[in-house]
Amino acid sequence: MITDAFAMAGGGAGGGGGQGAANPIVSFLPFLLIILIFYFLLIRPQMKKQKEHQKMVGSIKRGDRVITSGGIHGTVTNVKDDVFVVKISKETEVEVSKSAVAGVKERGAGVS
């Protein structure tokens, strides 16, 4: 009688061997799903926002009124390689990194 029990247990375990091959793929499916969700909800929108910011910074020219990320409002008087010279009062000009410009307030024709 014991031999019958061992025979039944051995036969039942051998039948499930075909499903074991697909199990690693199924176990990685949730990780792949999480990666896709992160890409579409976090990474892709951030890359789009960065491209728009680079396009905006690239289009800034002399006479444009800009706002820096620190909240300084001023008029661009000169454009250099990696900085803008921004006039913030009659006699005060500061150099601002291009990456520190948060937005363009208005497009101007020239500096007065």
N, C-alpha and C. Protein backbone atom coordinates (compact mmCIF):
# COMPACT_ATOMS: atom_id res chain seq x y z
N MET A 1 0.81 -1.18 0.00
CA MET A 1 0.00 0.00 0.00
C MET A 1 0.87 1.26 0.00
N ILE A 2 1.95 1.25 0.68
CA ILE A 2 2.85 2.39 0.70
C ILE A 2 3.45 2.58 -0.69
N THR A 3 3.75 1.55 -1.38
CA THR A 3 4.33 1.67 -2.71
C THR A 3 3.36 2.36 -3.67
N ASP A 4 2.06 2.11 -3.50
CA ASP A 4 1.08 2.80 -4.34
C ASP A 4 1.08 4.31 -4.07
N ALA A 5 1.23 4.72 -2.82
CA ALA A 5 1.24 6.13 -2.45
C ALA A 5 2.45 6.84 -3.05
N PHE A 6 3.62 6.17 -2.98
CA PHE A 6 4.81 6.77 -3.58
C PHE A 6 4.69 6.86 -5.09
N ALA A 7 4.08 5.88 -5.68
CA ALA A 7 3.92 5.89 -7.13
C ALA A 7 2.99 7.01 -7.56
N MET A 8 1.95 7.25 -6.80
CA MET A 8 1.01 8.31 -7.13
C MET A 8 1.65 9.69 -6.95
N ALA A 9 2.43 9.86 -5.89
CA ALA A 9 3.07 11.14 -5.64
C ALA A 9 4.12 11.42 -6.71
N GLY A 10 4.86 10.46 -7.13
CA GLY A 10 5.88 10.65 -8.15
C GLY A 10 5.26 10.97 -9.50
N GLY A 11 4.14 10.36 -9.81
CA GLY A 11 3.48 10.61 -11.09
C GLY A 11 2.87 12.00 -11.14
N GLY A 12 2.35 12.48 -10.02
CA GLY A 12 1.74 13.80 -9.97
C GLY A 12 2.77 14.91 -10.10
N ALA A 13 3.96 14.77 -9.53
CA ALA A 13 4.99 15.78 -9.59
C ALA A 13 5.60 15.87 -10.98
N GLY A 14 5.67 14.80 -11.69
CA GLY A 14 6.25 14.80 -13.02
C GLY A 14 5.35 15.48 -14.04
N GLY A 15 4.05 15.49 -13.81
CA GLY A 15 3.12 16.10 -14.74
C GLY A 15 3.19 17.62 -14.75
N GLY A 16 3.62 18.22 -13.67
CA GLY A 16 3.67 19.68 -13.58
C GLY A 16 4.98 20.26 -14.07
N GLY A 17 5.88 19.47 -14.59
CA GLY A 17 7.18 19.94 -15.03
C GLY A 17 7.11 20.88 -16.23
N GLY A 18 6.09 20.78 -17.06
CA GLY A 18 5.95 21.63 -18.23
C GLY A 18 5.65 23.08 -17.86
N GLN A 19 4.98 23.32 -16.77
CA GLN A 19 4.65 24.67 -16.35
C GLN A 19 5.83 25.37 -15.70
N GLY A 20 6.79 24.64 -15.19
CA GLY A 20 7.95 25.21 -14.53
C GLY A 20 8.83 26.01 -15.49
N ALA A 21 8.82 25.70 -16.78
CA ALA A 21 9.63 26.42 -17.76
C ALA A 21 9.10 27.83 -18.00
N ALA A 22 7.80 28.03 -17.95
CA ALA A 22 7.20 29.35 -18.17
C ALA A 22 7.19 30.20 -16.89
N ASN A 23 7.42 29.60 -15.76
CA ASN A 23 7.34 30.30 -14.49
C ASN A 23 8.33 31.46 -14.37
N PRO A 24 9.61 31.39 -14.80
CA PRO A 24 10.50 32.56 -14.69
C PRO A 24 10.00 33.75 -15.51
N ILE A 25 9.43 33.50 -16.67
CA ILE A 25 8.91 34.60 -17.50
C ILE A 25 7.73 35.26 -16.81
N VAL A 26 6.85 34.46 -16.25
CA VAL A 26 5.68 34.99 -15.56
C VAL A 26 6.11 35.75 -14.30
N SER A 27 7.17 35.31 -13.64
CA SER A 27 7.60 36.00 -12.42
C SER A 27 8.24 37.36 -12.73
N PHE A 28 8.81 37.56 -13.93
CA PHE A 28 9.38 38.86 -14.30
C PHE A 28 8.34 39.81 -14.90
N LEU A 29 7.19 39.32 -15.21
CA LEU A 29 6.15 40.16 -15.82
C LEU A 29 5.76 41.35 -14.94
N PRO A 30 5.56 41.21 -13.64
CA PRO A 30 5.24 42.38 -12.81
C PRO A 30 6.35 43.44 -12.81
N PHE A 31 7.61 43.01 -12.82
CA PHE A 31 8.73 43.96 -12.87
C PHE A 31 8.73 44.72 -14.18
N LEU A 32 8.48 44.03 -15.27
CA LEU A 32 8.42 44.70 -16.57
C LEU A 32 7.25 45.69 -16.61
N LEU A 33 6.15 45.32 -16.02
CA LEU A 33 4.98 46.20 -15.97
C LEU A 33 5.29 47.46 -15.15
N ILE A 34 5.97 47.30 -14.05
CA ILE A 34 6.34 48.45 -13.21
C ILE A 34 7.30 49.37 -13.96
N ILE A 35 8.25 48.80 -14.68
CA ILE A 35 9.19 49.60 -15.46
C ILE A 35 8.45 50.39 -16.53
N LEU A 36 7.49 49.77 -17.21
CA LEU A 36 6.71 50.48 -18.22
C LEU A 36 5.89 51.61 -17.61
N ILE A 37 5.31 51.37 -16.46
CA ILE A 37 4.51 52.41 -15.79
C ILE A 37 5.41 53.58 -15.40
N PHE A 38 6.58 53.30 -14.84
CA PHE A 38 7.52 54.38 -14.49
C PHE A 38 7.94 55.16 -15.72
N TYR A 39 8.17 54.45 -16.84
CA TYR A 39 8.60 55.14 -18.05
C TYR A 39 7.53 56.11 -18.53
N PHE A 40 6.29 55.64 -18.63
CA PHE A 40 5.23 56.48 -19.19
C PHE A 40 4.72 57.54 -18.22
N LEU A 41 4.83 57.31 -16.92
CA LEU A 41 4.31 58.29 -15.96
C LEU A 41 5.37 59.25 -15.41
N LEU A 42 6.64 58.85 -15.40
CA LEU A 42 7.67 59.69 -14.80
C LEU A 42 8.77 60.10 -15.79
N ILE A 43 9.37 59.14 -16.44
CA ILE A 43 10.56 59.42 -17.26
C ILE A 43 10.20 60.17 -18.53
N ARG A 44 9.22 59.70 -19.27
CA ARG A 44 8.86 60.31 -20.56
C ARG A 44 8.38 61.76 -20.40
N PRO A 45 7.48 62.07 -19.45
CA PRO A 45 7.08 63.48 -19.29
C PRO A 45 8.24 64.38 -18.87
N GLN A 46 9.16 63.87 -18.05
CA GLN A 46 10.30 64.68 -17.64
C GLN A 46 11.21 64.96 -18.83
N MET A 47 11.42 63.99 -19.70
CA MET A 47 12.24 64.20 -20.90
C MET A 47 11.58 65.21 -21.83
N LYS A 48 10.26 65.16 -21.94
CA LYS A 48 9.53 66.11 -22.78
C LYS A 48 9.66 67.53 -22.22
N LYS A 49 9.54 67.66 -20.91
CA LYS A 49 9.67 68.97 -20.27
C LYS A 49 11.08 69.51 -20.45
N GLN A 50 12.09 68.65 -20.36
CA GLN A 50 13.47 69.08 -20.53
C GLN A 50 13.72 69.56 -21.96
N LYS A 51 13.16 68.86 -22.95
CA LYS A 51 13.31 69.28 -24.34
C LYS A 51 12.65 70.64 -24.59
N GLU A 52 11.47 70.85 -24.02
CA GLU A 52 10.79 72.14 -24.16
C GLU A 52 11.60 73.26 -23.52
N HIS A 53 12.21 73.00 -22.36
CA HIS A 53 13.03 74.01 -21.67
C HIS A 53 14.25 74.35 -22.51
N GLN A 54 14.90 73.34 -23.08
CA GLN A 54 16.07 73.59 -23.93
C GLN A 54 15.69 74.39 -25.16
N LYS A 55 14.53 74.09 -25.74
CA LYS A 55 14.05 74.84 -26.91
C LYS A 55 13.77 76.30 -26.53
N MET A 56 13.14 76.50 -25.36
CA MET A 56 12.84 77.85 -24.90
C MET A 56 14.12 78.63 -24.64
N VAL A 57 15.09 78.02 -23.98
CA VAL A 57 16.36 78.70 -23.68
C VAL A 57 17.11 79.00 -24.97
N GLY A 58 17.05 78.10 -25.94
CA GLY A 58 17.72 78.32 -27.20
C GLY A 58 17.13 79.46 -28.01
N SER A 59 15.87 79.78 -27.78
CA SER A 59 15.21 80.83 -28.54
C SER A 59 15.31 82.21 -27.88
N ILE A 60 15.88 82.29 -26.69
CA ILE A 60 16.02 83.58 -26.00
C ILE A 60 17.08 84.42 -26.70
N LYS A 61 16.74 85.67 -26.94
CA LYS A 61 17.67 86.58 -27.60
C LYS A 61 17.70 87.90 -26.84
N ARG A 62 18.52 88.78 -27.30
CA ARG A 62 18.69 90.08 -26.65
C ARG A 62 17.37 90.85 -26.64
N GLY A 63 17.04 91.42 -25.50
CA GLY A 63 15.82 92.21 -25.37
C GLY A 63 14.65 91.45 -24.75
N ASP A 64 14.76 90.14 -24.62
CA ASP A 64 13.68 89.36 -24.01
C ASP A 64 13.68 89.55 -22.50
N ARG A 65 12.49 89.64 -21.93
CA ARG A 65 12.36 89.71 -20.48
C ARG A 65 12.22 88.30 -19.96
N VAL A 66 13.09 87.94 -19.01
CA VAL A 66 13.13 86.58 -18.49
C VAL A 66 12.92 86.55 -16.98
N ILE A 67 12.57 85.38 -16.50
CA ILE A 67 12.43 85.13 -15.06
C ILE A 67 13.36 83.97 -14.74
N THR A 68 14.22 84.13 -13.73
CA THR A 68 15.12 83.06 -13.35
C THR A 68 14.43 82.13 -12.35
N SER A 69 15.04 80.99 -12.11
CA SER A 69 14.48 80.06 -11.14
C SER A 69 14.54 80.62 -9.72
N GLY A 70 15.38 81.64 -9.50
CA GLY A 70 15.45 82.30 -8.20
C GLY A 70 14.45 83.42 -8.05
N GLY A 71 13.69 83.71 -9.11
CA GLY A 71 12.65 84.73 -9.04
C GLY A 71 13.10 86.11 -9.50
N ILE A 72 14.27 86.23 -10.08
CA ILE A 72 14.76 87.52 -10.55
C ILE A 72 14.18 87.80 -11.93
N HIS A 73 13.60 88.98 -12.10
CA HIS A 73 13.06 89.41 -13.38
C HIS A 73 14.05 90.39 -13.99
N GLY A 74 14.30 90.25 -15.29
CA GLY A 74 15.21 91.17 -15.94
C GLY A 74 15.15 91.05 -17.45
N THR A 75 15.95 91.88 -18.11
CA THR A 75 16.01 91.92 -19.57
C THR A 75 17.37 91.42 -20.02
N VAL A 76 17.37 90.52 -20.99
CA VAL A 76 18.62 89.97 -21.51
C VAL A 76 19.31 91.04 -22.34
N THR A 77 20.57 91.34 -21.98
CA THR A 77 21.34 92.33 -22.73
C THR A 77 22.42 91.70 -23.58
N ASN A 78 22.82 90.47 -23.25
CA ASN A 78 23.86 89.80 -24.01
C ASN A 78 23.68 88.29 -23.85
N VAL A 79 23.97 87.56 -24.92
CA VAL A 79 23.89 86.11 -24.88
C VAL A 79 25.29 85.57 -25.13
N LYS A 80 25.81 84.79 -24.16
CA LYS A 80 27.12 84.16 -24.30
C LYS A 80 26.92 82.66 -24.48
N ASP A 81 28.02 81.92 -24.45
CA ASP A 81 27.94 80.48 -24.69
C ASP A 81 27.02 79.75 -23.71
N ASP A 82 27.27 79.90 -22.43
CA ASP A 82 26.47 79.18 -21.45
C ASP A 82 25.80 80.08 -20.42
N VAL A 83 25.86 81.40 -20.62
CA VAL A 83 25.22 82.35 -19.70
C VAL A 83 24.51 83.46 -20.46
N PHE A 84 23.55 84.07 -19.78
CA PHE A 84 22.89 85.28 -20.26
C PHE A 84 23.33 86.42 -19.35
N VAL A 85 23.54 87.59 -19.93
CA VAL A 85 23.76 88.79 -19.12
C VAL A 85 22.40 89.46 -19.02
N VAL A 86 21.90 89.57 -17.78
CA VAL A 86 20.55 90.07 -17.53
C VAL A 86 20.63 91.38 -16.78
N LYS A 87 19.94 92.39 -17.31
CA LYS A 87 19.87 93.70 -16.67
C LYS A 87 18.67 93.69 -15.74
N ILE A 88 18.94 93.87 -14.42
CA ILE A 88 17.84 93.81 -13.46
C ILE A 88 17.46 95.18 -12.92
N SER A 89 18.30 96.19 -13.15
CA SER A 89 17.96 97.58 -12.83
C SER A 89 18.77 98.47 -13.76
N LYS A 90 18.68 99.77 -13.57
CA LYS A 90 19.35 100.69 -14.49
C LYS A 90 20.85 100.45 -14.59
N GLU A 91 21.49 100.19 -13.48
CA GLU A 91 22.95 100.06 -13.48
C GLU A 91 23.42 98.68 -13.06
N THR A 92 22.53 97.72 -12.94
CA THR A 92 22.92 96.40 -12.44
C THR A 92 22.67 95.33 -13.50
N GLU A 93 23.75 94.65 -13.87
CA GLU A 93 23.66 93.52 -14.78
C GLU A 93 24.28 92.31 -14.09
N VAL A 94 23.66 91.16 -14.25
CA VAL A 94 24.18 89.92 -13.67
C VAL A 94 24.28 88.87 -14.76
N GLU A 95 25.22 87.97 -14.58
CA GLU A 95 25.34 86.82 -15.47
C GLU A 95 24.54 85.68 -14.87
N VAL A 96 23.65 85.11 -15.68
CA VAL A 96 22.78 84.03 -15.22
C VAL A 96 23.01 82.82 -16.11
N SER A 97 23.19 81.68 -15.49
CA SER A 97 23.35 80.44 -16.24
C SER A 97 22.10 80.17 -17.05
N LYS A 98 22.27 79.64 -18.25
CA LYS A 98 21.11 79.37 -19.11
C LYS A 98 20.15 78.38 -18.47
N SER A 99 20.68 77.45 -17.71
CA SER A 99 19.80 76.47 -17.07
C SER A 99 18.99 77.07 -15.93
N ALA A 100 19.37 78.25 -15.45
CA ALA A 100 18.66 78.90 -14.34
C ALA A 100 17.49 79.75 -14.82
N VAL A 101 17.29 79.88 -16.11
CA VAL A 101 16.16 80.66 -16.63
C VAL A 101 14.92 79.78 -16.58
N ALA A 102 13.91 80.25 -15.85
CA ALA A 102 12.68 79.47 -15.69
C ALA A 102 11.67 79.75 -16.79
N GLY A 103 11.69 80.95 -17.33
CA GLY A 103 10.72 81.27 -18.36
C GLY A 103 10.97 82.62 -18.99
N VAL A 104 10.27 82.84 -20.09
CA VAL A 104 10.34 84.12 -20.79
C VAL A 104 9.05 84.86 -20.50
N LYS A 105 9.18 86.06 -19.95
CA LYS A 105 8.01 86.87 -19.59
C LYS A 105 7.41 87.50 -20.83
N GLU A 106 8.24 88.13 -21.64
CA GLU A 106 7.78 88.72 -22.89
C GLU A 106 8.94 88.84 -23.85
N ARG A 107 8.63 88.75 -25.12
CA ARG A 107 9.64 88.88 -26.15
C ARG A 107 9.79 90.36 -26.47
N GLY A 108 11.05 90.82 -26.50
CA GLY A 108 11.30 92.23 -26.77
C GLY A 108 12.03 92.42 -28.08
N ALA A 109 11.98 93.66 -28.59
CA ALA A 109 12.65 93.98 -29.85
C ALA A 109 14.06 94.48 -29.61
N GLY A 110 14.33 94.99 -28.45
CA GLY A 110 15.67 95.53 -28.19
C GLY A 110 15.77 96.02 -26.78
N VAL A 111 16.98 96.40 -26.41
CA VAL A 111 17.25 96.89 -25.06
C VAL A 111 17.29 98.40 -25.10
N SER A 112 16.59 99.03 -24.17
CA SER A 112 16.59 100.51 -24.13
C SER A 112 17.62 101.02 -23.18
